[in-house]
Protein backbone atom coordinates (compact mmCIF):
# COMPACT_ATOMS: atom_id res chain seq x y z
CA UNK A 1 -150.86 79.21 83.14
CA UNK A 2 -148.87 82.13 82.31
CA UNK A 3 -145.86 81.06 83.94
CA UNK A 4 -146.46 77.98 81.72
CA UNK A 5 -146.76 79.90 78.92
CA UNK A 6 -143.55 82.00 79.24
CA UNK A 7 -141.78 79.08 79.99
CA UNK A 8 -142.59 76.95 76.73
CA UNK A 9 -141.80 80.54 75.03
CA UNK A 10 -138.15 80.49 76.31
CA UNK A 11 -137.80 76.43 75.38
CA UNK A 12 -139.09 77.67 72.08
CA UNK A 13 -136.39 80.76 71.99
CA UNK A 14 -133.80 78.16 73.20
CA UNK A 15 -134.20 76.14 70.58
CA UNK A 16 -134.34 78.57 68.15
CA UNK A 17 -131.04 79.85 69.37
CA UNK A 18 -129.67 76.07 69.15
CA UNK A 19 -130.57 75.46 65.80
CA UNK A 20 -128.79 78.92 64.79
CA UNK A 21 -125.57 78.05 66.57
CA UNK A 22 -125.63 74.32 64.85
CA UNK A 23 -126.10 76.14 61.43
CA UNK A 24 -123.04 78.78 62.24
CA UNK A 25 -121.24 75.97 63.87
CA UNK A 26 -121.69 73.90 60.52
CA UNK A 27 -120.79 76.91 58.23
CA UNK A 28 -117.72 77.20 60.13
CA UNK A 29 -116.74 73.62 59.96
CA UNK A 30 -117.43 73.50 56.33
CA UNK A 31 -114.85 76.67 55.87
CA UNK A 32 -112.18 74.76 57.88
CA UNK A 33 -112.92 72.17 55.46
CA UNK A 34 -112.14 73.91 52.45
CA UNK A 35 -109.14 75.46 54.02
CA UNK A 36 -107.89 72.54 55.41
CA UNK A 37 -107.72 70.73 51.76
CA UNK A 38 -106.46 73.71 50.25
CA UNK A 39 -103.62 73.85 52.58
CA UNK A 40 -102.81 69.99 51.78
CA UNK A 41 -102.94 70.79 48.28
CA UNK A 42 -100.52 73.62 48.91
CA UNK A 43 -98.22 71.64 50.93
CA UNK A 44 -98.52 68.52 48.68
CA UNK A 45 -97.46 70.72 45.68
CA UNK A 46 -94.83 72.47 47.38
CA UNK A 47 -93.52 68.88 48.55
CA UNK A 48 -93.87 67.22 45.05
CA UNK A 49 -90.02 68.25 44.26
CA UNK A 50 -88.65 66.94 46.93
CA UNK A 51 -90.33 63.55 46.66
CA UNK A 52 -89.45 62.91 42.89
CA UNK A 53 -86.50 60.98 42.61
CA UNK A 54 -83.03 62.70 42.62
CA UNK A 55 -80.78 63.37 39.22
CA UNK A 56 -77.90 61.45 39.83
CA UNK A 57 -74.44 63.69 39.48
CA UNK A 58 -73.39 62.17 36.04
CA UNK A 59 -76.78 63.50 34.33
CA UNK A 60 -76.30 66.63 35.61
CA UNK A 61 -73.11 67.75 34.97
CA UNK A 62 -70.92 67.29 31.29
CA UNK A 63 -68.23 65.69 33.31
CA UNK A 64 -67.85 61.46 33.45
CA UNK A 65 -70.64 61.19 31.41
CA UNK A 66 -68.49 59.08 29.18
CA UNK A 67 -66.23 56.52 30.22
CA UNK A 68 -63.07 57.56 27.95
CA UNK A 69 -59.82 58.70 28.92
CA UNK A 70 -56.43 59.68 27.51
CA UNK A 71 -53.21 60.06 28.84
CA UNK A 72 -49.08 59.80 29.19
CA UNK A 73 -47.42 57.39 31.09
CA UNK A 74 -44.78 54.88 30.99
CA UNK A 75 -43.40 57.44 28.05
CA UNK A 76 -46.20 56.66 25.64
CA UNK A 77 -49.86 57.90 24.92
CA UNK A 78 -52.80 56.12 26.27
CA UNK A 79 -56.28 56.35 24.58
CA UNK A 80 -59.04 54.13 26.50
CA UNK A 81 -56.27 52.14 28.05
CA UNK A 82 -54.50 51.31 24.74
CA UNK A 83 -51.37 52.25 23.27
CA UNK A 84 -51.63 55.30 20.87
CA UNK A 85 -49.65 56.70 17.85
CA UNK A 86 -50.30 60.33 17.67
CA UNK A 87 -50.39 61.43 13.82
CA UNK A 88 -51.02 64.97 13.42
CA UNK A 89 -51.12 68.24 11.67
CA UNK A 90 -52.57 71.77 11.50
CA UNK A 91 -55.46 72.99 10.43
CA UNK A 92 -56.59 76.27 11.30
CA UNK A 93 -60.26 76.82 11.38
CA UNK A 94 -60.01 80.79 11.01
CA UNK A 95 -58.18 80.20 8.00
CA UNK A 96 -60.36 78.27 6.16
CA UNK A 97 -63.73 79.88 5.40
CA UNK A 98 -65.66 81.19 1.95
CA UNK A 99 -66.00 85.30 1.39
CA UNK A 100 -68.77 85.24 3.30
CA UNK A 101 -67.27 84.48 6.36
CA UNK A 102 -69.97 84.81 9.11
CA UNK A 103 -71.84 81.76 7.10
CA UNK A 104 -71.41 79.12 9.20
CA UNK A 105 -73.16 76.30 6.91
CA UNK A 106 -70.74 77.23 4.51
CA UNK A 107 -67.99 77.26 6.41
CA UNK A 108 -69.04 73.54 8.07
CA UNK A 109 -68.77 72.55 4.31
CA UNK A 110 -65.00 73.91 4.07
CA UNK A 111 -63.76 72.84 6.90
CA UNK A 112 -65.29 69.20 6.51
CA UNK A 113 -63.47 69.11 3.17
CA UNK A 114 -60.28 70.00 4.34
CA UNK A 115 -60.45 67.60 7.39
CA UNK A 116 -61.51 64.77 5.43
CA UNK A 117 -58.55 65.10 3.26
CA UNK A 118 -56.35 65.16 6.15
CA UNK A 119 -57.81 61.81 7.17
CA UNK A 120 -57.11 60.68 4.23
CA UNK A 121 -53.21 61.68 3.95
CA UNK A 122 -53.55 59.49 7.60
CA UNK A 123 -54.04 61.87 9.97
CA UNK A 124 -55.64 61.04 13.30
CA UNK A 125 -55.10 64.22 14.96
CA UNK A 126 -55.59 67.92 14.42
CA UNK A 127 -53.72 70.88 16.04
CA UNK A 128 -55.24 74.43 15.57
CA UNK A 129 -54.32 77.79 17.46
CA UNK A 130 -56.92 80.12 18.72
CA UNK A 131 -56.18 84.08 17.92
CA UNK A 132 -57.17 86.28 20.44
CA UNK A 133 -57.42 89.14 18.05
CA UNK A 134 -60.11 87.37 15.99
CA UNK A 135 -62.51 86.50 18.90
CA UNK A 136 -62.31 89.93 20.77
CA UNK A 137 -61.60 92.60 18.48
CA UNK A 138 -62.77 95.43 20.89
CA UNK A 139 -62.40 95.03 24.62
CA UNK A 140 -64.94 92.78 26.13
CA UNK A 141 -66.60 91.92 22.84
CA UNK A 142 -66.51 88.56 21.88
CA UNK A 143 -66.89 87.14 18.37
CA UNK A 144 -67.70 83.44 17.97
CA UNK A 145 -70.15 83.20 14.64
CA UNK A 146 -68.90 82.17 11.37
CA UNK A 147 -66.14 80.96 10.74
CA UNK A 148 -64.98 82.21 14.31
CA UNK A 149 -67.50 79.34 15.41
CA UNK A 150 -64.46 77.17 17.11
CA UNK A 151 -67.04 74.82 19.02
CA UNK A 152 -68.57 73.93 15.71
CA UNK A 153 -65.13 73.37 14.29
CA UNK A 154 -64.28 71.17 17.46
CA UNK A 155 -67.75 68.86 17.23
CA UNK A 156 -66.90 68.60 13.20
CA UNK A 157 -64.12 67.30 14.23
CA UNK A 158 -65.24 64.90 16.99
CA UNK A 159 -67.94 63.93 14.83
CA UNK A 160 -65.22 62.74 11.81
CA UNK A 161 -63.31 60.71 14.38
CA UNK A 162 -60.49 63.25 14.53
CA UNK A 163 -59.22 64.00 18.09
CA UNK A 164 -57.62 67.94 18.79
CA UNK A 165 -54.61 69.21 20.12
CA UNK A 166 -55.37 72.98 20.86
CA UNK A 167 -53.53 75.81 20.96
CA UNK A 168 -55.19 78.69 22.64
CA UNK A 169 -51.86 80.98 23.56
CA UNK A 170 -52.41 83.29 24.60
CA UNK A 171 -49.76 84.17 22.74
CA UNK A 172 -49.78 81.66 19.04
CA UNK A 173 -47.27 83.14 16.76
CA UNK A 174 -48.51 81.26 13.93
CA UNK A 175 -47.19 83.87 11.28
CA UNK A 176 -50.52 85.79 12.50
CA UNK A 177 -51.10 89.44 12.87
CA UNK A 178 -49.17 90.36 16.46
CA UNK A 179 -49.38 86.74 16.88
CA UNK A 180 -52.93 87.04 18.09
CA UNK A 181 -52.77 89.88 20.43
CA UNK A 182 -55.67 92.03 20.25
CA UNK A 183 -54.54 95.16 18.18
CA UNK A 184 -56.43 97.36 20.72
CA UNK A 185 -53.68 96.73 23.34
CA UNK A 186 -51.39 99.13 21.53
CA UNK A 187 -53.96 101.86 22.14
CA UNK A 188 -54.24 101.33 25.84
CA UNK A 189 -51.89 104.02 27.77
CA UNK A 190 -49.58 102.59 29.25
CA UNK A 191 -49.92 99.35 27.19
CA UNK A 192 -49.69 95.78 28.96
CA UNK A 193 -46.42 94.25 29.20
CA UNK A 194 -47.06 91.29 27.00
CA UNK A 195 -46.21 87.73 27.75
CA UNK A 196 -45.17 88.67 31.23
CA UNK A 197 -46.63 88.47 35.42
CA UNK A 198 -45.53 91.79 35.65
CA UNK A 199 -48.34 94.56 36.23
CA UNK A 200 -47.84 97.90 34.47
CA UNK A 201 -47.88 100.69 36.90
CA UNK A 202 -49.15 104.35 36.69
CA UNK A 203 -46.28 106.03 37.93
CA UNK A 204 -48.44 109.17 39.67
CA UNK A 205 -46.35 112.34 40.70
CA UNK A 206 -47.35 113.84 43.55
CA UNK A 207 -46.45 117.49 44.09
CA UNK A 208 -46.30 118.89 47.76
CA UNK A 209 -46.13 116.67 50.88
CA UNK A 210 -47.28 116.38 54.20
CA UNK A 211 -50.39 114.45 52.93
CA UNK A 212 -52.68 112.64 55.52
CA UNK A 213 -52.06 109.16 55.83
CA UNK A 214 -55.62 108.49 54.76
CA UNK A 215 -54.83 110.06 51.89
CA UNK A 216 -51.84 107.96 51.53
CA UNK A 217 -53.65 104.54 51.83
CA UNK A 218 -56.52 105.81 49.37
CA UNK A 219 -53.91 106.61 46.68
CA UNK A 220 -52.26 103.37 47.32
CA UNK A 221 -55.50 101.30 46.89
CA UNK A 222 -56.40 103.44 43.24
CA UNK A 223 -53.14 102.68 41.95
CA UNK A 224 -52.96 98.98 43.03
CA UNK A 225 -56.69 98.75 41.03
CA UNK A 226 -55.25 100.61 38.19
CA UNK A 227 -52.48 98.52 37.91
CA UNK A 228 -54.13 95.55 37.97
CA UNK A 229 -56.31 96.70 34.88
CA UNK A 230 -53.46 97.67 32.97
CA UNK A 231 -51.74 94.07 33.66
CA UNK A 232 -51.20 91.44 30.92
CA UNK A 233 -52.54 88.93 32.89
CA UNK A 234 -55.64 90.68 34.09
CA UNK A 235 -56.84 90.68 30.45
CA UNK A 236 -55.67 87.01 29.69
CA UNK A 237 -57.54 85.92 32.85
CA UNK A 238 -60.41 87.66 31.39
CA UNK A 239 -60.19 86.30 27.92
CA UNK A 240 -59.44 82.88 29.25
CA UNK A 241 -62.50 83.15 31.08
CA UNK A 242 -64.86 83.68 28.85
CA UNK A 243 -62.77 80.86 26.13
CA UNK A 244 -61.89 77.86 28.21
CA UNK A 245 -65.87 77.31 29.48
CA UNK A 246 -66.76 76.78 26.05
CA UNK A 247 -64.10 74.00 25.67
CA UNK A 248 -64.98 71.52 29.10
CA UNK A 249 -67.74 69.73 27.11
CA UNK A 250 -65.46 69.29 24.57
CA UNK A 251 -62.87 67.54 26.14
CA UNK A 252 -61.86 64.03 25.43
CA UNK A 253 -62.87 62.50 28.69
CA UNK A 254 -66.07 64.47 28.24
CA UNK A 255 -66.77 62.88 25.04
CA UNK A 256 -65.44 65.37 22.98
CA UNK A 257 -62.22 65.53 20.70
CA UNK A 258 -59.86 67.79 22.79
CA UNK A 259 -56.67 65.72 24.48
CA UNK A 260 -54.37 68.08 24.79
CA UNK A 261 -53.91 72.45 25.74
CA UNK A 262 -50.99 74.17 25.02
CA UNK A 263 -49.90 76.71 26.97
CA UNK A 264 -48.22 79.90 25.16
CA UNK A 265 -46.25 79.16 22.42
CA UNK A 266 -42.62 78.85 21.53
CA UNK A 267 -41.88 80.87 25.01
CA UNK A 268 -38.13 79.12 25.69
CA UNK A 269 -36.97 81.23 23.02
CA UNK A 270 -38.51 84.16 24.13
CA UNK A 271 -38.36 84.65 27.79
CA UNK A 272 -37.78 82.58 31.39
CA UNK A 273 -40.92 84.36 33.25
CA UNK A 274 -41.74 81.25 34.95
CA UNK A 275 -44.34 83.07 37.33
CA UNK A 276 -46.02 84.01 34.16
CA UNK A 277 -46.03 80.42 32.59
CA UNK A 278 -47.04 79.14 35.88
CA UNK A 279 -50.17 81.41 36.20
CA UNK A 280 -51.63 80.23 32.71
CA UNK A 281 -51.16 76.14 34.13
CA UNK A 282 -53.23 77.63 37.25
CA UNK A 283 -55.54 79.13 35.01
CA UNK A 284 -56.57 76.68 32.86
CA UNK A 285 -56.81 73.81 35.41
CA UNK A 286 -59.18 76.07 37.15
CA UNK A 287 -61.35 76.38 34.10
CA UNK A 288 -60.58 72.65 32.36
CA UNK A 289 -59.79 70.73 35.29
CA UNK A 290 -57.03 69.11 36.92
CA UNK A 291 -56.43 66.21 34.64
CA UNK A 292 -56.23 68.19 31.54
CA UNK A 293 -52.68 67.11 29.75
CA UNK A 294 -51.12 70.61 29.36
CA UNK A 295 -47.84 71.09 27.13
CA UNK A 296 -45.40 73.65 25.90
CA UNK A 297 -43.63 73.97 22.52
CA UNK A 298 -40.43 75.55 22.92
């Protein structure tokens, strides 16, 4: 009898343990299910961008948004595959402004008045310079507001149906102070050699001899770095690197008014540094693309 009771107690204890284990298993199963659901939602959220349709190349870039082209072929200008005659004249945005120079709204009114008058004369193309000293009055400080807002001027030309031949220099002449070169060039010592591919070198005089090779190497590197900083082309690269990217959406093939860009100005009567001109060509194409029409006025 006693043995039988013990067996029943053991069986009861086993049943109780089994119930506890089952309950624990259910809890763990519930936690695992919740964890699995959480991981599934997280994975789905992470992969949603992948599942979304990919944007076309034309929608992710301002290039090739419109089917327009301007080219020179068979000794003629062609606009959208049709012969085109340029009837142009100069209108310089930086010379047309109210007394309150930085009020863009008033500047736009002045510009529109002059552009409409030019159009009434029969012009279909506007030429304008870009004076470096206006847009970079001090080293590294660029100004594109008010009457210096060249982007707004070009957009207005486009709105009025006028094409643009842009003349960004770096030397513009234009009967403008120092041909557009910033005045702070003259305060640099040594001053950069303008309109040239030759860097200005600092001539360092060393007293003594028998310097170690390592010291000589370090000195050579320092001279090269300082020479690059003082070179004219280094300044041009920084200036155009800030200006030209702003013009890319305003090129004719991208829906804007710019059909051509001039390199330098009247350089043939000044010098013959072909390396300098070639460097400007490469620099312009690197920013504006290989299809941009570049020209020079001798």
